[in-house]
Amino acid sequence: MSAHVSTDLLTRHCAHGAAALDDAGVQALLPAVPDWRIDGKHLVRAFAFLDYHETIAFVNALAWMVHREDHHPDLQVLYQRCTVSWTTHSAGNRLSENDFICAARADAIYAGRTGA
């Protein structure tokens, strides 16, 4: 199921005004982004890199994607790591499908850059 759902998420785009997911909706989508975890009302993942240059290259690629999707995460950028945290502000700072779409897209960007 995970690969199918993840592929489905990659074919979708963020919807303006997306509704908050209930707990069952969050749990249904979580297997599609297995490296992500729920932290309160956020979907979070830390990405590891060889050096600062690679970290910033990922951040720049991520910035391009989130601008296109018009759905912006909180980022913590360190020398060899970037932690990405999604929540949907317009859905009352709760998780929406937009967060999972962007998480799957972030995973694809990371895999494309690192082969992971």
PDB file of N, CA and C in Angstrom:
ATOM      1  N   MET A   1       0.823  -1.195   0.000  1.00  0.00           N
ATOM      2  CA  MET A   1       0.000   0.000   0.000  1.00  0.00           C
ATOM      3  C   MET A   1       0.861   1.250   0.000  1.00  0.00           C
ATOM      4  N   SER A   2       1.958   1.243   0.726  1.00  0.00           N
ATOM      5  CA  SER A   2       2.785   2.432   0.886  1.00  0.00           C
ATOM      6  C   SER A   2       3.256   2.986  -0.459  1.00  0.00           C
ATOM      7  N   ALA A   3       3.802   2.138  -1.320  1.00  0.00           N
ATOM      8  CA  ALA A   3       4.309   2.621  -2.597  1.00  0.00           C
ATOM      9  C   ALA A   3       3.183   3.191  -3.443  1.00  0.00           C
ATOM     10  N   HIS A   4       2.012   2.540  -3.459  1.00  0.00           N
ATOM     11  CA  HIS A   4       0.885   3.035  -4.242  1.00  0.00           C
ATOM     12  C   HIS A   4       0.408   4.386  -3.730  1.00  0.00           C
ATOM     13  N   VAL A   5       0.242   4.509  -2.432  1.00  0.00           N
ATOM     14  CA  VAL A   5      -0.234   5.772  -1.860  1.00  0.00           C
ATOM     15  C   VAL A   5       0.792   6.863  -2.099  1.00  0.00           C
ATOM     16  N   SER A   6       2.092   6.556  -1.904  1.00  0.00           N
ATOM     17  CA  SER A   6       3.135   7.547  -2.122  1.00  0.00           C
ATOM     18  C   SER A   6       3.120   8.015  -3.567  1.00  0.00           C
ATOM     19  N   THR A   7       2.997   7.088  -4.517  1.00  0.00           N
ATOM     20  CA  THR A   7       2.915   7.452  -5.926  1.00  0.00           C
ATOM     21  C   THR A   7       1.700   8.319  -6.161  1.00  0.00           C
ATOM     22  N   ASP A   8       0.587   7.971  -5.553  1.00  0.00           N
ATOM     23  CA  ASP A   8      -0.624   8.777  -5.684  1.00  0.00           C
ATOM     24  C   ASP A   8      -0.392  10.180  -5.138  1.00  0.00           C
ATOM     25  N   LEU A   9       0.273  10.300  -4.012  1.00  0.00           N
ATOM     26  CA  LEU A   9       0.550  11.618  -3.448  1.00  0.00           C
ATOM     27  C   LEU A   9       1.419  12.441  -4.390  1.00  0.00           C
ATOM     28  N   LEU A  10       2.362  11.807  -5.069  1.00  0.00           N
ATOM     29  CA  LEU A  10       3.241  12.528  -5.986  1.00  0.00           C
ATOM     30  C   LEU A  10       2.522  13.033  -7.223  1.00  0.00           C
ATOM     31  N   THR A  11       1.375  12.465  -7.559  1.00  0.00           N
ATOM     32  CA  THR A  11       0.617  12.923  -8.726  1.00  0.00           C
ATOM     33  C   THR A  11      -0.363  14.031  -8.364  1.00  0.00           C
ATOM     34  N   ARG A  12      -0.522  14.291  -7.082  1.00  0.00           N
ATOM     35  CA  ARG A  12      -1.478  15.292  -6.623  1.00  0.00           C
ATOM     36  C   ARG A  12      -0.786  16.625  -6.371  1.00  0.00           C
ATOM     37  N   HIS A  13      -1.590  17.657  -6.266  1.00  0.00           N
ATOM     38  CA  HIS A  13      -1.089  18.986  -5.922  1.00  0.00           C
ATOM     39  C   HIS A  13      -1.886  19.518  -4.745  1.00  0.00           C
ATOM     40  N   CYS A  14      -1.279  20.422  -4.016  1.00  0.00           N
ATOM     41  CA  CYS A  14      -1.933  21.003  -2.846  1.00  0.00           C
ATOM     42  C   CYS A  14      -3.181  21.776  -3.253  1.00  0.00           C
ATOM     43  N   ALA A  15      -4.187  21.673  -2.422  1.00  0.00           N
ATOM     44  CA  ALA A  15      -5.449  22.372  -2.650  1.00  0.00           C
ATOM     45  C   ALA A  15      -5.552  23.537  -1.671  1.00  0.00           C
ATOM     46  N   HIS A  16      -5.864  24.705  -2.190  1.00  0.00           N
ATOM     47  CA  HIS A  16      -6.057  25.869  -1.329  1.00  0.00           C
ATOM     48  C   HIS A  16      -7.250  25.608  -0.408  1.00  0.00           C
ATOM     49  N   GLY A  17      -7.078  25.887   0.868  1.00  0.00           N
ATOM     50  CA  GLY A  17      -8.161  25.698   1.831  1.00  0.00           C
ATOM     51  C   GLY A  17      -8.413  24.247   2.183  1.00  0.00           C
ATOM     52  N   ALA A  18      -7.400  23.416   2.086  1.00  0.00           N
ATOM     53  CA  ALA A  18      -7.567  21.986   2.406  1.00  0.00           C
ATOM     54  C   ALA A  18      -8.059  21.821   3.846  1.00  0.00           C
ATOM     55  N   ALA A  19      -8.949  20.884   4.020  1.00  0.00           N
ATOM     56  CA  ALA A  19      -9.522  20.623   5.339  1.00  0.00           C
ATOM     57  C   ALA A  19      -8.560  19.808   6.192  1.00  0.00           C
ATOM     58  N   ALA A  20      -8.659  19.999   7.489  1.00  0.00           N
ATOM     59  CA  ALA A  20      -7.871  19.203   8.436  1.00  0.00           C
ATOM     60  C   ALA A  20      -8.300  17.749   8.346  1.00  0.00           C
ATOM     61  N   LEU A  21      -7.328  16.863   8.477  1.00  0.00           N
ATOM     62  CA  LEU A  21      -7.603  15.436   8.531  1.00  0.00           C
ATOM     63  C   LEU A  21      -7.957  15.046   9.961  1.00  0.00           C
ATOM     64  N   ASP A  22      -8.858  14.078  10.095  1.00  0.00           N
ATOM     65  CA  ASP A  22      -9.082  13.513  11.423  1.00  0.00           C
ATOM     66  C   ASP A  22      -7.974  12.497  11.697  1.00  0.00           C
ATOM     67  N   ASP A  23      -7.944  11.944  12.903  1.00  0.00           N
ATOM     68  CA  ASP A  23      -6.878  11.002  13.270  1.00  0.00           C
ATOM     69  C   ASP A  23      -6.823   9.808  12.334  1.00  0.00           C
ATOM     70  N   ALA A  24      -7.962   9.310  11.910  1.00  0.00           N
ATOM     71  CA  ALA A  24      -7.982   8.164  10.993  1.00  0.00           C
ATOM     72  C   ALA A  24      -7.386   8.543   9.645  1.00  0.00           C
ATOM     73  N   GLY A  25      -7.661   9.744   9.174  1.00  0.00           N
ATOM     74  CA  GLY A  25      -7.098  10.207   7.909  1.00  0.00           C
ATOM     75  C   GLY A  25      -5.588  10.344   7.978  1.00  0.00           C
ATOM     76  N   VAL A  26      -5.090  10.870   9.094  1.00  0.00           N
ATOM     77  CA  VAL A  26      -3.642  10.984   9.294  1.00  0.00           C
ATOM     78  C   VAL A  26      -3.012   9.599   9.311  1.00  0.00           C
ATOM     79  N   GLN A  27      -3.592   8.666  10.060  1.00  0.00           N
ATOM     80  CA  GLN A  27      -3.041   7.316  10.169  1.00  0.00           C
ATOM     81  C   GLN A  27      -3.104   6.575   8.841  1.00  0.00           C
ATOM     82  N   ALA A  28      -4.092   6.881   8.000  1.00  0.00           N
ATOM     83  CA  ALA A  28      -4.202   6.242   6.691  1.00  0.00           C
ATOM     84  C   ALA A  28      -3.096   6.715   5.744  1.00  0.00           C
ATOM     85  N   LEU A  29      -2.689   7.978   5.865  1.00  0.00           N
ATOM     86  CA  LEU A  29      -1.679   8.523   4.965  1.00  0.00           C
ATOM     87  C   LEU A  29      -0.248   8.347   5.475  1.00  0.00           C
ATOM     88  N   LEU A  30      -0.071   8.180   6.749  1.00  0.00           N
ATOM     89  CA  LEU A  30       1.267   8.089   7.334  1.00  0.00           C
ATOM     90  C   LEU A  30       2.129   6.974   6.726  1.00  0.00           C
ATOM     91  N   PRO A  31       1.588   5.794   6.416  1.00  0.00           N
ATOM     92  CA  PRO A  31       2.435   4.759   5.806  1.00  0.00           C
ATOM     93  C   PRO A  31       3.006   5.150   4.437  1.00  0.00           C
ATOM     94  N   ALA A  32       2.402   6.124   3.780  1.00  0.00           N
ATOM     95  CA  ALA A  32       2.896   6.564   2.472  1.00  0.00           C
ATOM     96  C   ALA A  32       4.180   7.365   2.590  1.00  0.00           C
ATOM     97  N   VAL A  33       4.462   7.873   3.780  1.00  0.00           N
ATOM     98  CA  VAL A  33       5.680   8.646   4.031  1.00  0.00           C
ATOM     99  C   VAL A  33       6.362   8.066   5.271  1.00  0.00           C
ATOM    100  N   PRO A  34       6.919   6.845   5.143  1.00  0.00           N
ATOM    101  CA  PRO A  34       7.370   6.084   6.315  1.00  0.00           C
ATOM    102  C   PRO A  34       8.516   6.707   7.112  1.00  0.00           C
ATOM    103  N   ASP A  35       9.267   7.621   6.523  1.00  0.00           N
ATOM    104  CA  ASP A  35      10.377   8.238   7.256  1.00  0.00           C
ATOM    105  C   ASP A  35       9.943   9.461   8.054  1.00  0.00           C
ATOM    106  N   TRP A  36       8.676   9.793   7.992  1.00  0.00           N
ATOM    107  CA  TRP A  36       8.133  10.945   8.695  1.00  0.00           C
ATOM    108  C   TRP A  36       7.470  10.493   9.988  1.00  0.00           C
ATOM    109  N   ARG A  37       7.399  11.426  10.951  1.00  0.00           N
ATOM    110  CA  ARG A  37       6.740  11.128  12.222  1.00  0.00           C
ATOM    111  C   ARG A  37       5.799  12.273  12.569  1.00  0.00           C
ATOM    112  N   ILE A  38       4.839  11.955  13.396  1.00  0.00           N
ATOM    113  CA  ILE A  38       3.926  12.967  13.905  1.00  0.00           C
ATOM    114  C   ILE A  38       4.518  13.519  15.194  1.00  0.00           C
ATOM    115  N   ASP A  39       4.621  14.837  15.274  1.00  0.00           N
ATOM    116  CA  ASP A  39       5.096  15.510  16.472  1.00  0.00           C
ATOM    117  C   ASP A  39       4.061  16.587  16.803  1.00  0.00           C
ATOM    118  N   GLY A  40       3.168  16.255  17.719  1.00  0.00           N
ATOM    119  CA  GLY A  40       2.068  17.175  18.021  1.00  0.00           C
ATOM    120  C   GLY A  40       1.157  17.298  16.817  1.00  0.00           C
ATOM    121  N   LYS A  41       1.050  18.504  16.279  1.00  0.00           N
ATOM    122  CA  LYS A  41       0.218  18.753  15.098  1.00  0.00           C
ATOM    123  C   LYS A  41       1.058  18.921  13.840  1.00  0.00           C
ATOM    124  N   HIS A  42       2.282  18.387  13.859  1.00  0.00           N
ATOM    125  CA  HIS A  42       3.204  18.532  12.735  1.00  0.00           C
ATOM    126  C   HIS A  42       3.654  17.174  12.201  1.00  0.00           C
ATOM    127  N   LEU A  43       3.926  17.154  10.914  1.00  0.00           N
ATOM    128  CA  LEU A  43       4.537  16.020  10.236  1.00  0.00           C
ATOM    129  C   LEU A  43       6.002  16.399  10.047  1.00  0.00           C
ATOM    130  N   VAL A  44       6.932  15.606  10.611  1.00  0.00           N
ATOM    131  CA  VAL A  44       8.329  16.022  10.734  1.00  0.00           C
ATOM    132  C   VAL A  44       9.274  14.942  10.212  1.00  0.00           C
ATOM    133  N   ARG A  45      10.341  15.409   9.543  1.00  0.00           N
ATOM    134  CA  ARG A  45      11.427  14.514   9.141  1.00  0.00           C
ATOM    135  C   ARG A  45      12.737  15.298   9.115  1.00  0.00           C
ATOM    136  N   ALA A  46      13.803  14.656   9.562  1.00  0.00           N
ATOM    137  CA  ALA A  46      15.149  15.216   9.451  1.00  0.00           C
ATOM    138  C   ALA A  46      15.858  14.528   8.292  1.00  0.00           C
ATOM    139  N   PHE A  47      16.425  15.322   7.401  1.00  0.00           N
ATOM    140  CA  PHE A  47      17.168  14.824   6.250  1.00  0.00           C
ATOM    141  C   PHE A  47      18.658  15.039   6.510  1.00  0.00           C
ATOM    142  N   ALA A  48      19.483  14.011   6.275  1.00  0.00           N
ATOM    143  CA  ALA A  48      20.925  14.087   6.513  1.00  0.00           C
ATOM    144  C   ALA A  48      21.682  14.278   5.198  1.00  0.00           C
ATOM    145  N   PHE A  49      22.768  15.069   5.271  1.00  0.00           N
ATOM    146  CA  PHE A  49      23.579  15.378   4.094  1.00  0.00           C
ATOM    147  C   PHE A  49      25.061  15.264   4.426  1.00  0.00           C
ATOM    148  N   LEU A  50      25.891  15.233   3.393  1.00  0.00           N
ATOM    149  CA  LEU A  50      27.336  15.122   3.576  1.00  0.00           C
ATOM    150  C   LEU A  50      27.954  16.419   4.072  1.00  0.00           C
ATOM    151  N   ASP A  51      27.411  17.552   3.629  1.00  0.00           N
ATOM    152  CA  ASP A  51      28.005  18.837   3.992  1.00  0.00           C
ATOM    153  C   ASP A  51      26.967  19.952   3.821  1.00  0.00           C
ATOM    154  N   TYR A  52      27.387  21.150   4.139  1.00  0.00           N
ATOM    155  CA  TYR A  52      26.485  22.308   4.089  1.00  0.00           C
ATOM    156  C   TYR A  52      26.006  22.588   2.666  1.00  0.00           C
ATOM    157  N   HIS A  53      26.899  22.444   1.696  1.00  0.00           N
ATOM    158  CA  HIS A  53      26.528  22.670   0.300  1.00  0.00           C
ATOM    159  C   HIS A  53      25.355  21.778  -0.106  1.00  0.00           C
ATOM    160  N   GLU A  54      25.428  20.488   0.231  1.00  0.00           N
ATOM    161  CA  GLU A  54      24.348  19.560  -0.103  1.00  0.00           C
ATOM    162  C   GLU A  54      23.061  19.908   0.655  1.00  0.00           C
ATOM    163  N   THR A  55      23.203  20.321   1.895  1.00  0.00           N
ATOM    164  CA  THR A  55      22.035  20.719   2.677  1.00  0.00           C
ATOM    165  C   THR A  55      21.333  21.895   2.014  1.00  0.00           C
ATOM    166  N   ILE A  56      22.093  22.913   1.639  1.00  0.00           N
ATOM    167  CA  ILE A  56      21.507  24.108   1.031  1.00  0.00           C
ATOM    168  C   ILE A  56      20.942  23.802  -0.349  1.00  0.00           C
ATOM    169  N   ALA A  57      21.578  22.919  -1.101  1.00  0.00           N
ATOM    170  CA  ALA A  57      21.034  22.520  -2.402  1.00  0.00           C
ATOM    171  C   ALA A  57      19.664  21.872  -2.224  1.00  0.00           C
ATOM    172  N   PHE A  58      19.519  21.033  -1.207  1.00  0.00           N
ATOM    173  CA  PHE A  58      18.220  20.428  -0.912  1.00  0.00           C
ATOM    174  C   PHE A  58      17.207  21.505  -0.525  1.00  0.00           C
ATOM    175  N   VAL A  59      17.609  22.420   0.351  1.00  0.00           N
ATOM    176  CA  VAL A  59      16.707  23.488   0.787  1.00  0.00           C
ATOM    177  C   VAL A  59      16.245  24.311  -0.416  1.00  0.00           C
ATOM    178  N   ASN A  60      17.150  24.613  -1.329  1.00  0.00           N
ATOM    179  CA  ASN A  60      16.770  25.376  -2.516  1.00  0.00           C
ATOM    180  C   ASN A  60      15.800  24.612  -3.402  1.00  0.00           C
ATOM    181  N   ALA A  61      16.034  23.318  -3.591  1.00  0.00           N
ATOM    182  CA  ALA A  61      15.108  22.499  -4.385  1.00  0.00           C
ATOM    183  C   ALA A  61      13.751  22.405  -3.690  1.00  0.00           C
ATOM    184  N   LEU A  62      13.777  22.252  -2.379  1.00  0.00           N
ATOM    185  CA  LEU A  62      12.541  22.207  -1.606  1.00  0.00           C
ATOM    186  C   LEU A  62      11.796  23.534  -1.724  1.00  0.00           C
ATOM    187  N   ALA A  63      12.516  24.641  -1.645  1.00  0.00           N
ATOM    188  CA  ALA A  63      11.891  25.958  -1.743  1.00  0.00           C
ATOM    189  C   ALA A  63      11.185  26.141  -3.080  1.00  0.00           C
ATOM    190  N   TRP A  64      11.786  25.648  -4.142  1.00  0.00           N
ATOM    191  CA  TRP A  64      11.163  25.751  -5.462  1.00  0.00           C
ATOM    192  C   TRP A  64       9.850  24.964  -5.491  1.00  0.00           C
ATOM    193  N   MET A  65       9.869  23.751  -4.942  1.00  0.00           N
ATOM    194  CA  MET A  65       8.659  22.922  -4.920  1.00  0.00           C
ATOM    195  C   MET A  65       7.571  23.560  -4.070  1.00  0.00           C
ATOM    196  N   VAL A  66       7.911  24.015  -2.877  1.00  0.00           N
ATOM    197  CA  VAL A  66       6.866  24.552  -1.994  1.00  0.00           C
ATOM    198  C   VAL A  66       6.289  25.851  -2.541  1.00  0.00           C
ATOM    199  N   HIS A  67       7.093  26.605  -3.266  1.00  0.00           N
ATOM    200  CA  HIS A  67       6.562  27.809  -3.915  1.00  0.00           C
ATOM    201  C   HIS A  67       5.518  27.421  -4.963  1.00  0.00           C
ATOM    202  N   ARG A  68       5.812  26.390  -5.757  1.00  0.00           N
ATOM    203  CA  ARG A  68       4.852  25.907  -6.762  1.00  0.00           C
ATOM    204  C   ARG A  68       3.578  25.398  -6.104  1.00  0.00           C
ATOM    205  N   GLU A  69       3.718  24.687  -4.985  1.00  0.00           N
ATOM    206  CA  GLU A  69       2.552  24.119  -4.303  1.00  0.00           C
ATOM    207  C   GLU A  69       1.855  25.148  -3.410  1.00  0.00           C
ATOM    208  N   ASP A  70       2.509  26.257  -3.128  1.00  0.00           N
ATOM    209  CA  ASP A  70       1.995  27.303  -2.233  1.00  0.00           C
ATOM    210  C   ASP A  70       1.631  26.714  -0.867  1.00  0.00           C
ATOM    211  N   HIS A  71       2.560  25.899  -0.371  1.00  0.00           N
ATOM    212  CA  HIS A  71       2.388  25.271   0.946  1.00  0.00           C
ATOM    213  C   HIS A  71       3.771  25.195   1.572  1.00  0.00           C
ATOM    214  N   HIS A  72       3.992  25.958   2.620  1.00  0.00           N
ATOM    215  CA  HIS A  72       5.342  26.205   3.112  1.00  0.00           C
ATOM    216  C   HIS A  72       5.582  25.577   4.478  1.00  0.00           C
ATOM    217  N   PRO A  73       6.687  24.840   4.623  1.00  0.00           N
ATOM    218  CA  PRO A  73       7.014  24.190   5.890  1.00  0.00           C
ATOM    219  C   PRO A  73       7.844  25.111   6.787  1.00  0.00           C
ATOM    220  N   ASP A  74       8.004  24.686   8.015  1.00  0.00           N
ATOM    221  CA  ASP A  74       9.019  25.266   8.884  1.00  0.00           C
ATOM    222  C   ASP A  74      10.277  24.449   8.653  1.00  0.00           C
ATOM    223  N   LEU A  75      11.419  25.131   8.577  1.00  0.00           N
ATOM    224  CA  LEU A  75      12.696  24.467   8.331  1.00  0.00           C
ATOM    225  C   LEU A  75      13.684  24.803   9.444  1.00  0.00           C
ATOM    226  N   GLN A  76      14.456  23.802   9.821  1.00  0.00           N
ATOM    227  CA  GLN A  76      15.610  24.020  10.676  1.00  0.00           C
ATOM    228  C   GLN A  76      16.811  23.539   9.861  1.00  0.00           C
ATOM    229  N   VAL A  77      17.673  24.474   9.491  1.00  0.00           N
ATOM    230  CA  VAL A  77      18.800  24.164   8.617  1.00  0.00           C
ATOM    231  C   VAL A  77      20.091  24.197   9.423  1.00  0.00           C
ATOM    232  N   LEU A  78      20.781  23.059   9.432  1.00  0.00           N
ATOM    233  CA  LEU A  78      22.067  22.928  10.103  1.00  0.00           C
ATOM    234  C   LEU A  78      23.110  22.501   9.070  1.00  0.00           C
ATOM    235  N   TYR A  79      24.341  22.347   9.489  1.00  0.00           N
ATOM    236  CA  TYR A  79      25.435  22.052   8.565  1.00  0.00           C
ATOM    237  C   TYR A  79      25.170  20.802   7.719  1.00  0.00           C
ATOM    238  N   GLN A  80      24.802  19.699   8.342  1.00  0.00           N
ATOM    239  CA  GLN A  80      24.597  18.440   7.616  1.00  0.00           C
ATOM    240  C   GLN A  80      23.177  17.902   7.782  1.00  0.00           C
ATOM    241  N   ARG A  81      22.236  18.767   8.112  1.00  0.00           N
ATOM    242  CA  ARG A  81      20.875  18.281   8.342  1.00  0.00           C
ATOM    243  C   ARG A  81      19.876  19.405   8.113  1.00  0.00           C
ATOM    244  N   CYS A  82      18.738  19.019   7.605  1.00  0.00           N
ATOM    245  CA  CYS A  82      17.605  19.927   7.486  1.00  0.00           C
ATOM    246  C   CYS A  82      16.382  19.197   8.031  1.00  0.00           C
ATOM    247  N   THR A  83      15.744  19.793   9.026  1.00  0.00           N
ATOM    248  CA  THR A  83      14.514  19.227   9.561  1.00  0.00           C
ATOM    249  C   THR A  83      13.347  20.006   8.978  1.00  0.00           C
ATOM    250  N   VAL A  84      12.403  19.267   8.420  1.00  0.00           N
ATOM    251  CA  VAL A  84      11.238  19.849   7.755  1.00  0.00           C
ATOM    252  C   VAL A  84      10.011  19.503   8.583  1.00  0.00           C
ATOM    253  N   SER A  85       9.176  20.492   8.820  1.00  0.00           N
ATOM    254  CA  SER A  85       7.978  20.321   9.640  1.00  0.00           C
ATOM    255  C   SER A  85       6.781  20.924   8.919  1.00  0.00           C
ATOM    256  N   TRP A  86       5.794  20.071   8.645  1.00  0.00           N
ATOM    257  CA  TRP A  86       4.588  20.513   7.937  1.00  0.00           C
ATOM    258  C   TRP A  86       3.397  20.589   8.884  1.00  0.00           C
ATOM    259  N   THR A  87       2.572  21.562   8.678  1.00  0.00           N
ATOM    260  CA  THR A  87       1.239  21.669   9.248  1.00  0.00           C
ATOM    261  C   THR A  87       0.477  22.622   8.335  1.00  0.00           C
ATOM    262  N   THR A  88      -0.828  22.608   8.397  1.00  0.00           N
ATOM    263  CA  THR A  88      -1.618  23.481   7.529  1.00  0.00           C
ATOM    264  C   THR A  88      -2.245  24.578   8.376  1.00  0.00           C
ATOM    265  N   HIS A  89      -1.718  25.769   8.234  1.00  0.00           N
ATOM    266  CA  HIS A  89      -2.183  26.897   9.045  1.00  0.00           C
ATOM    267  C   HIS A  89      -3.657  27.198   8.798  1.00  0.00           C
ATOM    268  N   SER A  90      -4.079  27.120   7.528  1.00  0.00           N
ATOM    269  CA  SER A  90      -5.477  27.437   7.200  1.00  0.00           C
ATOM    270  C   SER A  90      -6.448  26.363   7.687  1.00  0.00           C
ATOM    271  N   ALA A  91      -5.927  25.227   8.137  1.00  0.00           N
ATOM    272  CA  ALA A  91      -6.769  24.157   8.691  1.00  0.00           C
ATOM    273  C   ALA A  91      -6.639  24.140  10.212  1.00  0.00           C
ATOM    274  N   GLY A  92      -6.379  25.306  10.792  1.00  0.00           N
ATOM    275  CA  GLY A  92      -6.275  25.393  12.247  1.00  0.00           C
ATOM    276  C   GLY A  92      -4.987  24.806  12.793  1.00  0.00           C
ATOM    277  N   ASN A  93      -3.905  24.912  11.998  1.00  0.00           N
ATOM    278  CA  ASN A  93      -2.610  24.327  12.390  1.00  0.00           C
ATOM    279  C   ASN A  93      -2.725  22.837  12.675  1.00  0.00           C
ATOM    280  N   ARG A  94      -3.502  22.170  11.857  1.00  0.00           N
ATOM    281  CA  ARG A  94      -3.625  20.715  11.908  1.00  0.00           C
ATOM    282  C   ARG A  94      -3.120  20.159  10.589  1.00  0.00           C
ATOM    283  N   LEU A  95      -2.970  18.853  10.534  1.00  0.00           N
ATOM    284  CA  LEU A  95      -2.495  18.220   9.311  1.00  0.00           C
ATOM    285  C   LEU A  95      -3.611  18.110   8.280  1.00  0.00           C
ATOM    286  N   SER A  96      -3.241  18.340   7.034  1.00  0.00           N
ATOM    287  CA  SER A  96      -4.148  18.156   5.905  1.00  0.00           C
ATOM    288  C   SER A  96      -3.453  17.274   4.882  1.00  0.00           C
ATOM    289  N   GLU A  97      -4.168  16.906   3.852  1.00  0.00           N
ATOM    290  CA  GLU A  97      -3.558  16.119   2.784  1.00  0.00           C
ATOM    291  C   GLU A  97      -2.390  16.876   2.155  1.00  0.00           C
ATOM    292  N   ASN A  98      -2.453  18.208   2.137  1.00  0.00           N
ATOM    293  CA  ASN A  98      -1.357  19.009   1.576  1.00  0.00           C
ATOM    294  C   ASN A  98      -0.019  18.670   2.230  1.00  0.00           C
ATOM    295  N   ASP A  99      -0.038  18.451   3.541  1.00  0.00           N
ATOM    296  CA  ASP A  99       1.197  18.138   4.258  1.00  0.00           C
ATOM    297  C   ASP A  99       1.795  16.824   3.771  1.00  0.00           C
ATOM    298  N   PHE A 100       0.963  15.846   3.518  1.00  0.00           N
ATOM    299  CA  PHE A 100       1.433  14.546   3.053  1.00  0.00           C
ATOM    300  C   PHE A 100       1.887  14.608   1.597  1.00  0.00           C
ATOM    301  N   ILE A 101       1.195  15.388   0.783  1.00  0.00           N
ATOM    302  CA  ILE A 101       1.626  15.585  -0.604  1.00  0.00           C
ATOM    303  C   ILE A 101       3.025  16.183  -0.621  1.00  0.00           C
ATOM    304  N   CYS A 102       3.233  17.226   0.156  1.00  0.00           N
ATOM    305  CA  CYS A 102       4.540  17.890   0.174  1.00  0.00           C
ATOM    306  C   CYS A 102       5.613  17.029   0.833  1.00  0.00           C
ATOM    307  N   ALA A 103       5.254  16.235   1.820  1.00  0.00           N
ATOM    308  CA  ALA A 103       6.219  15.312   2.424  1.00  0.00           C
ATOM    309  C   ALA A 103       6.686  14.293   1.388  1.00  0.00           C
ATOM    310  N   ALA A 104       5.760  13.741   0.613  1.00  0.00           N
ATOM    311  CA  ALA A 104       6.129  12.782  -0.431  1.00  0.00           C
ATOM    312  C   ALA A 104       7.004  13.449  -1.484  1.00  0.00           C
ATOM    313  N   ARG A 105       6.691  14.681  -1.823  1.00  0.00           N
ATOM    314  CA  ARG A 105       7.511  15.413  -2.793  1.00  0.00           C
ATOM    315  C   ARG A 105       8.896  15.719  -2.226  1.00  0.00           C
ATOM    316  N   ALA A 106       8.976  16.053  -0.944  1.00  0.00           N
ATOM    317  CA  ALA A 106      10.274  16.288  -0.303  1.00  0.00           C
ATOM    318  C   ALA A 106      11.103  15.007  -0.315  1.00  0.00           C
ATOM    319  N   ASP A 107      10.466  13.870  -0.050  1.00  0.00           N
ATOM    320  CA  ASP A 107      11.165  12.583  -0.110  1.00  0.00           C
ATOM    321  C   ASP A 107      11.722  12.335  -1.502  1.00  0.00           C
ATOM    322  N   ALA A 108      10.931  12.659  -2.531  1.00  0.00           N
ATOM    323  CA  ALA A 108      11.371  12.459  -3.913  1.00  0.00           C
ATOM    324  C   ALA A 108      12.561  13.360  -4.235  1.00  0.00           C
ATOM    325  N   ILE A 109      12.524  14.598  -3.773  1.00  0.00           N
ATOM    326  CA  ILE A 109      13.647  15.515  -3.991  1.00  0.00           C
ATOM    327  C   ILE A 109      14.903  14.949  -3.318  1.00  0.00           C
ATOM    328  N   TYR A 110      14.754  14.508  -2.085  1.00  0.00           N
ATOM    329  CA  TYR A 110      15.891  13.949  -1.337  1.00  0.00           C
ATOM    330  C   TYR A 110      16.446  12.714  -2.047  1.00  0.00           C
ATOM    331  N   ALA A 111      15.589  11.816  -2.470  1.00  0.00           N
ATOM    332  CA  ALA A 111      16.027  10.610  -3.159  1.00  0.00           C
ATOM    333  C   ALA A 111      16.737  10.957  -4.463  1.00  0.00           C
ATOM    334  N   GLY A 112      16.230  11.959  -5.161  1.00  0.00           N
ATOM    335  CA  GLY A 112      16.859  12.382  -6.399  1.00  0.00           C
ATOM    336  C   GLY A 112      18.235  13.002  -6.207  1.00  0.00           C
ATOM    337  N   ARG A 113      18.450  13.611  -5.067  1.00  0.00           N
ATOM    338  CA  ARG A 113      19.728  14.269  -4.783  1.00  0.00           C
ATOM    339  C   ARG A 113      20.742  13.296  -4.179  1.00  0.00           C
ATOM    340  N   THR A 114      20.271  12.350  -3.391  1.00  0.00           N
ATOM    341  CA  THR A 114      21.189  11.498  -2.629  1.00  0.00           C
ATOM    342  C   THR A 114      21.166  10.034  -3.064  1.00  0.00           C
ATOM    343  N   GLY A 115      20.171   9.637  -3.821  1.00  0.00           N
ATOM    344  CA  GLY A 115      20.017   8.235  -4.172  1.00  0.00           C
ATOM    345  C   GLY A 115      19.424   7.407  -3.051  1.00  0.00           C
ATOM    346  N   ALA A 116      19.006   8.076  -1.964  1.00  0.00           N
ATOM    347  CA  ALA A 116      18.439   7.367  -0.806  1.00  0.00           C
ATOM    348  C   ALA A 116      17.007   6.956  -1.061  1.00  0.00           C
TER     349      ALA A 116
END
